Amino acid sequence: MKEIRSFRGITAERLIEALKEVPVDTKICIEILGDNFPAKQVKECTYYDWDNGKKAAEHRGILIG
């Protein structure tokens, strides 16, 4: 399995590639991390590129927060 040491700036493609190697019945071990686990939700989001204070491009993504 590919090891991901930091999620800062990770692309969905890289995360998906790592998750493809994990058996589909694998449970995510957030219970042992409790309240110290930084990710509480995953949801779709829209973000924008800005150019001189104006929206230049719109992108769809996921927000892990």
Protein backbone atom coordinates (compact mmCIF):
# COMPACT_ATOMS: atom_id res chain seq x y z
CA MET A 1 0.00 0.00 0.00
CA LYS A 2 1.19 3.50 -0.78
CA GLU A 3 1.88 5.47 2.36
CA ILE A 4 0.58 9.01 2.62
CA ARG A 5 2.44 10.96 5.29
CA SER A 6 0.65 14.29 4.82
CA PHE A 7 -2.79 15.18 3.47
CA ARG A 8 -1.88 18.84 3.02
CA GLY A 9 -2.26 19.63 -0.70
CA ILE A 10 -3.09 16.04 -1.67
CA THR A 11 -5.03 15.57 -4.89
CA ALA A 12 -8.11 13.38 -5.14
CA GLU A 13 -6.26 11.31 -7.75
CA ARG A 14 -3.44 10.47 -5.33
CA LEU A 15 -5.87 9.64 -2.53
CA ILE A 16 -7.97 7.43 -4.83
CA GLU A 17 -4.87 5.58 -6.06
CA ALA A 18 -3.86 4.80 -2.47
CA LEU A 19 -7.39 3.71 -1.54
CA LYS A 20 -7.65 1.39 -4.57
CA GLU A 21 -5.01 -0.82 -2.94
CA VAL A 22 -7.04 -1.23 0.26
CA PRO A 23 -9.54 -4.12 0.43
CA VAL A 24 -13.09 -2.76 0.13
CA ASP A 25 -14.18 -4.25 3.47
CA THR A 26 -11.43 -2.41 5.39
CA LYS A 27 -12.76 -0.23 8.18
CA ILE A 28 -11.38 3.27 8.74
CA CYS A 29 -9.82 3.44 12.18
CA ILE A 30 -11.13 6.80 13.36
CA GLU A 31 -12.48 5.35 16.59
CA ILE A 32 -8.99 4.94 18.05
CA LEU A 33 -8.12 8.49 17.07
CA GLY A 34 -11.20 9.95 18.76
CA ASP A 35 -11.51 13.73 18.90
CA ASN A 36 -7.87 14.15 17.86
CA PHE A 37 -8.68 13.07 14.30
CA PRO A 38 -8.83 16.28 12.26
CA ALA A 39 -11.25 15.12 9.54
CA LYS A 40 -14.87 15.11 10.69
CA GLN A 41 -16.67 15.22 7.32
CA VAL A 42 -16.20 14.85 3.57
CA LYS A 43 -18.45 16.85 1.26
CA GLU A 44 -18.52 18.29 -2.24
CA CYS A 45 -17.45 21.90 -2.64
CA THR A 46 -16.87 24.56 -5.26
CA TYR A 47 -13.72 26.65 -5.27
CA TYR A 48 -12.46 29.39 -7.54
CA ASP A 49 -9.28 30.67 -9.14
CA TRP A 50 -9.03 34.43 -8.77
CA ASP A 51 -7.32 36.93 -11.07
CA ASN A 52 -7.05 40.55 -9.91
CA GLY A 53 -10.01 40.18 -7.56
CA LYS A 54 -12.29 38.55 -10.15
CA LYS A 55 -13.32 34.91 -10.44
CA ALA A 56 -11.27 33.39 -13.24
CA ALA A 57 -12.36 29.74 -13.09
CA GLU A 58 -14.72 27.54 -11.08
CA HIS A 59 -13.71 24.07 -9.92
CA ARG A 60 -15.60 21.23 -8.20
CA GLY A 61 -13.86 19.26 -5.52
CA ILE A 62 -14.23 17.64 -2.14
CA LEU A 63 -13.74 19.28 1.23
CA ILE A 64 -12.27 17.12 3.98
CA GLY A 65 -12.70 18.96 7.22
